[in-house]
Amino acid sequence: MTQQQYSRPKVELTTKVLDRLNIGKRYWQSSLDTLPKDSKHYSITKEYVKEFTLKYEPKGIGLFLWGNNSTGKTWTATAILKELAHIGYTAYTILGDELRAIYINNQMFDPDNSIIRWVENVEILLIEDIGKEYNASGSGWAELCFENLLRKRSRNLKVTIITTNLSPDEFKDRYKNSAMAILLESMIAIQVKSADNRAKIQVEIQKTVNNT
């Protein structure tokens, strides 16, 4: 099969579409072209998007983007999500600490799908900041919700992208061997390293303040 045989109608990423993707407005301007060109994660993500349709999507292979705060994990993940949504894949973004709530509240995404059903079945799901969700005094409920979602998606070859401050070893400690096994069979782990982006943003904010 060729890339052309897999082609889908392109989707214009209007504000309405970006809102439906549940992307935070701060990341609406993200794109692969804005990633630091000299970084390892830039070259890997470029190759991932380029080969996604033929190499990664058929096997349900997603990404596990990890690193310190303010290194551009969410910006990178959103850039990938937007690129794939633009070429026709259904996609959605959810914060890690929202997973527990959607299982409790059973809110609707649209007339035909609850949010639970949508995050379980959408072609590409981005889960932001996993590991920061409320732990309910150690009950394990949040972890169970996450692991069950991950298992259902992996079982059906649905692509999941995760951003987190947890290294793979720390992820294993938090979510145990069963969740780690799912990650190993369905995701590429990439450490995101770059300068502190929020520090750079603060400099720009101060310039704006000083010029008013």
C-alpha atoms as a PDB file:
ATOM      1  CA  MET A   1       0.000   0.000   0.000  1.00  0.00           C
ATOM      2  CA  THR A   2       1.149   3.533  -0.725  1.00  0.00           C
ATOM      3  CA  GLN A   3       0.586   6.754   1.212  1.00  0.00           C
ATOM      4  CA  GLN A   4      -1.775   7.863  -1.545  1.00  0.00           C
ATOM      5  CA  GLN A   5      -3.999   4.798  -1.104  1.00  0.00           C
ATOM      6  CA  TYR A   6      -4.410   5.688   2.568  1.00  0.00           C
ATOM      7  CA  SER A   7      -5.160   9.380   1.950  1.00  0.00           C
ATOM      8  CA  ARG A   8      -8.158  11.021   3.650  1.00  0.00           C
ATOM      9  CA  PRO A   9      -9.877  14.343   3.063  1.00  0.00           C
ATOM     10  CA  LYS A  10      -7.837  17.147   4.651  1.00  0.00           C
ATOM     11  CA  VAL A  11      -9.438  18.982   7.576  1.00  0.00           C
ATOM     12  CA  GLU A  12      -9.042  22.738   7.984  1.00  0.00           C
ATOM     13  CA  LEU A  13      -8.061  23.431  11.574  1.00  0.00           C
ATOM     14  CA  THR A  14     -10.503  26.219  12.289  1.00  0.00           C
ATOM     15  CA  THR A  15     -11.073  27.528  15.807  1.00  0.00           C
ATOM     16  CA  LYS A  16     -14.220  25.381  15.943  1.00  0.00           C
ATOM     17  CA  VAL A  17     -12.222  22.260  15.061  1.00  0.00           C
ATOM     18  CA  LEU A  18      -9.444  23.095  17.546  1.00  0.00           C
ATOM     19  CA  ASP A  19     -12.073  23.578  20.232  1.00  0.00           C
ATOM     20  CA  ARG A  20     -13.641  20.203  19.387  1.00  0.00           C
ATOM     21  CA  LEU A  21     -10.184  18.617  19.647  1.00  0.00           C
ATOM     22  CA  ASN A  22     -10.168  20.060  23.203  1.00  0.00           C
ATOM     23  CA  ILE A  23      -6.758  21.625  22.679  1.00  0.00           C
ATOM     24  CA  GLY A  24      -5.937  24.377  25.168  1.00  0.00           C
ATOM     25  CA  LYS A  25      -5.931  27.772  23.469  1.00  0.00           C
ATOM     26  CA  ARG A  26      -2.332  28.374  24.552  1.00  0.00           C
ATOM     27  CA  TYR A  27      -1.319  25.554  22.203  1.00  0.00           C
ATOM     28  CA  TRP A  28      -3.408  26.475  19.165  1.00  0.00           C
ATOM     29  CA  GLN A  29      -0.335  27.943  17.467  1.00  0.00           C
ATOM     30  CA  SER A  30       1.804  24.842  17.967  1.00  0.00           C
ATOM     31  CA  SER A  31       3.244  23.184  14.864  1.00  0.00           C
ATOM     32  CA  LEU A  32       6.125  20.910  13.978  1.00  0.00           C
ATOM     33  CA  ASP A  33       7.917  23.906  12.443  1.00  0.00           C
ATOM     34  CA  THR A  34       8.008  25.646  15.840  1.00  0.00           C
ATOM     35  CA  LEU A  35       9.875  22.793  17.573  1.00  0.00           C
ATOM     36  CA  PRO A  36      13.611  23.268  18.248  1.00  0.00           C
ATOM     37  CA  LYS A  37      15.296  21.882  15.137  1.00  0.00           C
ATOM     38  CA  ASP A  38      18.433  20.773  16.975  1.00  0.00           C
ATOM     39  CA  SER A  39      16.530  18.600  19.469  1.00  0.00           C
ATOM     40  CA  LYS A  40      16.305  14.814  19.346  1.00  0.00           C
ATOM     41  CA  HIS A  41      12.557  14.891  19.902  1.00  0.00           C
ATOM     42  CA  TYR A  42      12.110  17.097  16.821  1.00  0.00           C
ATOM     43  CA  SER A  43      13.718  14.572  14.462  1.00  0.00           C
ATOM     44  CA  ILE A  44      11.796  11.668  16.006  1.00  0.00           C
ATOM     45  CA  THR A  45       8.423  13.421  15.885  1.00  0.00           C
ATOM     46  CA  LYS A  46       8.962  14.537  12.277  1.00  0.00           C
ATOM     47  CA  GLU A  47       9.663  10.948  11.268  1.00  0.00           C
ATOM     48  CA  TYR A  48       6.694   9.720  13.333  1.00  0.00           C
ATOM     49  CA  VAL A  49       4.239  12.032  11.579  1.00  0.00           C
ATOM     50  CA  LYS A  50       5.726  11.344   8.143  1.00  0.00           C
ATOM     51  CA  GLU A  51       5.446   7.555   8.561  1.00  0.00           C
ATOM     52  CA  PHE A  52       2.319   7.540  10.732  1.00  0.00           C
ATOM     53  CA  THR A  53      -0.220   6.277   8.194  1.00  0.00           C
ATOM     54  CA  LEU A  54       1.813   3.358   6.902  1.00  0.00           C
ATOM     55  CA  LYS A  55       4.072   2.448   9.816  1.00  0.00           C
ATOM     56  CA  TYR A  56       2.594   3.472  13.165  1.00  0.00           C
ATOM     57  CA  GLU A  57      -1.196   3.839  12.910  1.00  0.00           C
ATOM     58  CA  PRO A  58      -1.827   0.254  11.655  1.00  0.00           C
ATOM     59  CA  LYS A  59      -0.052  -1.105  14.755  1.00  0.00           C
ATOM     60  CA  GLY A  60      -1.582   1.397  17.173  1.00  0.00           C
ATOM     61  CA  ILE A  61       1.824   2.825  18.127  1.00  0.00           C
ATOM     62  CA  GLY A  62       1.665   6.088  20.071  1.00  0.00           C
ATOM     63  CA  LEU A  63       4.153   8.240  21.981  1.00  0.00           C
ATOM     64  CA  PHE A  64       5.206   8.628  25.616  1.00  0.00           C
ATOM     65  CA  LEU A  65       6.698  12.125  25.898  1.00  0.00           C
ATOM     66  CA  TRP A  66       8.432  12.653  29.224  1.00  0.00           C
ATOM     67  CA  GLY A  67      10.684  15.249  30.791  1.00  0.00           C
ATOM     68  CA  ASN A  68      10.924  18.114  33.242  1.00  0.00           C
ATOM     69  CA  ASN A  69       8.433  20.947  33.503  1.00  0.00           C
ATOM     70  CA  SER A  70       8.478  23.594  30.768  1.00  0.00           C
ATOM     71  CA  THR A  71      10.471  21.619  28.189  1.00  0.00           C
ATOM     72  CA  GLY A  72       7.720  21.667  25.549  1.00  0.00           C
ATOM     73  CA  LYS A  73       6.095  18.260  26.011  1.00  0.00           C
ATOM     74  CA  THR A  74       2.526  19.492  25.556  1.00  0.00           C
ATOM     75  CA  TRP A  75       3.530  21.860  22.759  1.00  0.00           C
ATOM     76  CA  THR A  76       5.191  18.960  20.925  1.00  0.00           C
ATOM     77  CA  ALA A  77       2.300  16.544  21.514  1.00  0.00           C
ATOM     78  CA  THR A  78      -0.262  19.115  20.387  1.00  0.00           C
ATOM     79  CA  ALA A  79       1.737  19.866  17.243  1.00  0.00           C
ATOM     80  CA  ILE A  80       1.649  16.158  16.390  1.00  0.00           C
ATOM     81  CA  LEU A  81      -2.060  15.866  17.172  1.00  0.00           C
ATOM     82  CA  LYS A  82      -2.885  18.877  14.985  1.00  0.00           C
ATOM     83  CA  GLU A  83      -0.841  17.535  12.098  1.00  0.00           C
ATOM     84  CA  LEU A  84      -2.639  14.174  12.211  1.00  0.00           C
ATOM     85  CA  ALA A  85      -6.071  15.777  12.661  1.00  0.00           C
ATOM     86  CA  HIS A  86      -5.338  17.929   9.611  1.00  0.00           C
ATOM     87  CA  ILE A  87      -4.794  14.845   7.441  1.00  0.00           C
ATOM     88  CA  GLY A  88      -8.131  13.398   8.504  1.00  0.00           C
ATOM     89  CA  TYR A  89      -7.763  11.408  11.729  1.00  0.00           C
ATOM     90  CA  THR A  90     -10.255  11.841  14.570  1.00  0.00           C
ATOM     91  CA  ALA A  91      -8.480  13.150  17.653  1.00  0.00           C
ATOM     92  CA  TYR A  92      -9.097  14.447  21.155  1.00  0.00           C
ATOM     93  CA  THR A  93      -7.154  15.855  24.105  1.00  0.00           C
ATOM     94  CA  ILE A  94      -7.832  15.298  27.793  1.00  0.00           C
ATOM     95  CA  LEU A  95      -5.962  16.208  30.961  1.00  0.00           C
ATOM     96  CA  GLY A  96      -4.825  13.290  33.086  1.00  0.00           C
ATOM     97  CA  ASP A  97      -6.613  14.645  36.140  1.00  0.00           C
ATOM     98  CA  GLU A  98      -9.916  14.722  34.203  1.00  0.00           C
ATOM     99  CA  LEU A  99     -10.026  10.965  33.572  1.00  0.00           C
ATOM    100  CA  ARG A 100     -11.465  10.101  36.954  1.00  0.00           C
ATOM    101  CA  ALA A 101     -14.205  12.718  36.612  1.00  0.00           C
ATOM    102  CA  ILE A 102     -15.420  11.557  33.191  1.00  0.00           C
ATOM    103  CA  TYR A 103     -15.921   8.033  34.499  1.00  0.00           C
ATOM    104  CA  ILE A 104     -17.940   9.366  37.423  1.00  0.00           C
ATOM    105  CA  ASN A 105     -19.993  12.060  35.649  1.00  0.00           C
ATOM    106  CA  ASN A 106     -20.583  10.272  32.321  1.00  0.00           C
ATOM    107  CA  GLN A 107     -20.837  13.564  30.410  1.00  0.00           C
ATOM    108  CA  MET A 108     -21.736  13.610  26.715  1.00  0.00           C
ATOM    109  CA  PHE A 109     -19.284  14.590  23.989  1.00  0.00           C
ATOM    110  CA  ASP A 110     -21.967  14.797  21.300  1.00  0.00           C
ATOM    111  CA  PRO A 111     -25.499  13.347  20.857  1.00  0.00           C
ATOM    112  CA  ASP A 112     -24.072   9.940  19.938  1.00  0.00           C
ATOM    113  CA  ASN A 113     -21.087   9.609  22.276  1.00  0.00           C
ATOM    114  CA  SER A 114     -20.322  10.084  25.943  1.00  0.00           C
ATOM    115  CA  ILE A 115     -16.872  11.500  26.635  1.00  0.00           C
ATOM    116  CA  ILE A 116     -15.901   8.079  27.987  1.00  0.00           C
ATOM    117  CA  ARG A 117     -16.910   6.382  24.753  1.00  0.00           C
ATOM    118  CA  TRP A 118     -15.135   9.056  22.711  1.00  0.00           C
ATOM    119  CA  VAL A 119     -11.797   8.840  24.552  1.00  0.00           C
ATOM    120  CA  GLU A 120     -11.944   5.045  24.324  1.00  0.00           C
ATOM    121  CA  ASN A 121     -12.574   4.991  20.578  1.00  0.00           C
ATOM    122  CA  VAL A 122     -11.183   8.164  19.000  1.00  0.00           C
ATOM    123  CA  GLU A 123      -8.358   7.325  16.574  1.00  0.00           C
ATOM    124  CA  ILE A 124      -5.752   9.474  18.354  1.00  0.00           C
ATOM    125  CA  LEU A 125      -5.993  10.442  22.026  1.00  0.00           C
ATOM    126  CA  LEU A 126      -3.628  12.855  23.753  1.00  0.00           C
ATOM    127  CA  ILE A 127      -3.529  12.544  27.554  1.00  0.00           C
ATOM    128  CA  GLU A 128      -1.770  15.544  29.084  1.00  0.00           C
ATOM    129  CA  ASP A 129       0.213  15.477  32.320  1.00  0.00           C
ATOM    130  CA  ILE A 130      -0.458  11.928  33.418  1.00  0.00           C
ATOM    131  CA  GLY A 131       0.833  11.391  36.946  1.00  0.00           C
ATOM    132  CA  LYS A 132      -0.612  14.642  38.311  1.00  0.00           C
ATOM    133  CA  GLU A 133      -4.136  13.323  38.730  1.00  0.00           C
ATOM    134  CA  TYR A 134      -5.786  13.258  42.171  1.00  0.00           C
ATOM    135  CA  ASN A 135      -4.960  10.000  43.917  1.00  0.00           C
ATOM    136  CA  ALA A 136      -7.997   9.857  46.247  1.00  0.00           C
ATOM    137  CA  SER A 137      -5.873   9.186  49.337  1.00  0.00           C
ATOM    138  CA  GLY A 138      -4.148   6.220  47.742  1.00  0.00           C
ATOM    139  CA  SER A 139      -7.310   4.354  46.720  1.00  0.00           C
ATOM    140  CA  GLY A 140      -5.873   3.544  43.280  1.00  0.00           C
ATOM    141  CA  TRP A 141      -9.101   4.578  41.517  1.00  0.00           C
ATOM    142  CA  ALA A 142      -7.422   7.178  39.297  1.00  0.00           C
ATOM    143  CA  GLU A 143      -4.705   4.724  38.298  1.00  0.00           C
ATOM    144  CA  LEU A 144      -7.292   2.034  37.561  1.00  0.00           C
ATOM    145  CA  CYS A 145      -9.298   4.372  35.301  1.00  0.00           C
ATOM    146  CA  PHE A 146      -6.147   5.260  33.391  1.00  0.00           C
ATOM    147  CA  GLU A 147      -4.935   1.676  33.040  1.00  0.00           C
ATOM    148  CA  ASN A 148      -8.336   0.417  31.863  1.00  0.00           C
ATOM    149  CA  LEU A 149      -8.504   3.175  29.254  1.00  0.00           C
ATOM    150  CA  LEU A 150      -4.979   2.420  28.093  1.00  0.00           C
ATOM    151  CA  ARG A 151      -5.736  -1.301  27.856  1.00  0.00           C
ATOM    152  CA  LYS A 152      -8.944  -0.806  25.838  1.00  0.00           C
ATOM    153  CA  ARG A 153      -7.203   1.495  23.396  1.00  0.00           C
ATOM    154  CA  SER A 154      -4.166  -0.753  22.987  1.00  0.00           C
ATOM    155  CA  ARG A 155      -6.406  -3.792  22.511  1.00  0.00           C
ATOM    156  CA  ASN A 156      -8.151  -2.042  19.611  1.00  0.00           C
ATOM    157  CA  LEU A 157      -4.954  -0.563  18.116  1.00  0.00           C
ATOM    158  CA  LYS A 158      -5.980   2.998  18.938  1.00  0.00           C
ATOM    159  CA  VAL A 159      -3.091   5.454  19.096  1.00  0.00           C
ATOM    160  CA  THR A 160      -2.452   7.153  22.435  1.00  0.00           C
ATOM    161  CA  ILE A 161      -0.014   9.999  23.092  1.00  0.00           C
ATOM    162  CA  ILE A 162       0.962  10.746  26.695  1.00  0.00           C
ATOM    163  CA  THR A 163       2.822  13.686  28.221  1.00  0.00           C
ATOM    164  CA  THR A 164       4.234  13.374  31.731  1.00  0.00           C
ATOM    165  CA  ASN A 165       6.943  14.457  34.149  1.00  0.00           C
ATOM    166  CA  LEU A 166       7.431  10.780  35.010  1.00  0.00           C
ATOM    167  CA  SER A 167      10.340   8.884  33.513  1.00  0.00           C
ATOM    168  CA  PRO A 168       9.524   5.350  32.305  1.00  0.00           C
ATOM    169  CA  ASP A 169      10.900   3.955  35.590  1.00  0.00           C
ATOM    170  CA  GLU A 170       8.831   6.387  37.658  1.00  0.00           C
ATOM    171  CA  PHE A 171       5.777   5.540  35.546  1.00  0.00           C
ATOM    172  CA  LYS A 172       6.303   1.861  36.370  1.00  0.00           C
ATOM    173  CA  ASP A 173       6.497   2.666  40.094  1.00  0.00           C
ATOM    174  CA  ARG A 174       3.290   4.706  39.967  1.00  0.00           C
ATOM    175  CA  TYR A 175       1.160   2.517  37.669  1.00  0.00           C
ATOM    176  CA  LYS A 176       2.755  -0.911  38.248  1.00  0.00           C
ATOM    177  CA  ASN A 177       3.847  -3.639  35.845  1.00  0.00           C
ATOM    178  CA  SER A 178       0.513  -4.137  34.067  1.00  0.00           C
ATOM    179  CA  ALA A 179       0.286  -0.537  32.831  1.00  0.00           C
ATOM    180  CA  MET A 180       3.991  -0.534  31.990  1.00  0.00           C
ATOM    181  CA  ALA A 181       3.499  -3.630  29.847  1.00  0.00           C
ATOM    182  CA  ILE A 182       0.805  -1.818  27.843  1.00  0.00           C
ATOM    183  CA  LEU A 183       3.096   1.176  27.387  1.00  0.00           C
ATOM    184  CA  LEU A 184       5.950  -0.993  26.148  1.00  0.00           C
ATOM    185  CA  GLU A 185       3.793  -2.695  23.519  1.00  0.00           C
ATOM    186  CA  SER A 186       2.046   0.419  22.233  1.00  0.00           C
ATOM    187  CA  MET A 187       4.249   3.525  22.622  1.00  0.00           C
ATOM    188  CA  ILE A 188       7.631   4.993  21.773  1.00  0.00           C
ATOM    189  CA  ALA A 189       9.216   6.709  24.786  1.00  0.00           C
ATOM    190  CA  ILE A 190      10.849  10.048  23.984  1.00  0.00           C
ATOM    191  CA  GLN A 191      12.555  12.316  26.488  1.00  0.00           C
ATOM    192  CA  VAL A 192      11.795  15.948  25.666  1.00  0.00           C
ATOM    193  CA  LYS A 193      14.711  18.245  26.467  1.00  0.00           C
ATOM    194  CA  SER A 194      14.909  21.967  25.771  1.00  0.00           C
ATOM    195  CA  ALA A 195      15.386  25.300  27.502  1.00  0.00           C
ATOM    196  CA  ASP A 196      12.775  26.372  30.067  1.00  0.00           C
ATOM    197  CA  ASN A 197       9.993  27.650  27.797  1.00  0.00           C
ATOM    198  CA  ARG A 198       8.029  29.326  30.585  1.00  0.00           C
ATOM    199  CA  ALA A 199      11.077  31.343  31.563  1.00  0.00           C
ATOM    200  CA  LYS A 200      11.311  32.603  27.965  1.00  0.00           C
ATOM    201  CA  ILE A 201       7.591  33.423  27.971  1.00  0.00           C
ATOM    202  CA  GLN A 202       7.994  35.387  31.200  1.00  0.00           C
ATOM    203  CA  VAL A 203      10.759  37.460  29.582  1.00  0.00           C
ATOM    204  CA  GLU A 204       8.407  38.299  26.700  1.00  0.00           C
ATOM    205  CA  ILE A 205       5.620  39.217  29.129  1.00  0.00           C
ATOM    206  CA  GLN A 206       7.941  41.543  31.019  1.00  0.00           C
ATOM    207  CA  LYS A 207       8.967  43.195  27.743  1.00  0.00           C
ATOM    208  CA  THR A 208       5.293  43.777  26.944  1.00  0.00           C
ATOM    209  CA  VAL A 209       4.676  45.256  30.398  1.00  0.00           C
ATOM    210  CA  ASN A 210       7.706  47.519  30.164  1.00  0.00           C
ATOM    211  CA  ASN A 211       6.652  48.811  26.738  1.00  0.00           C
ATOM    212  CA  THR A 212       3.135  49.832  27.853  1.00  0.00           C
END
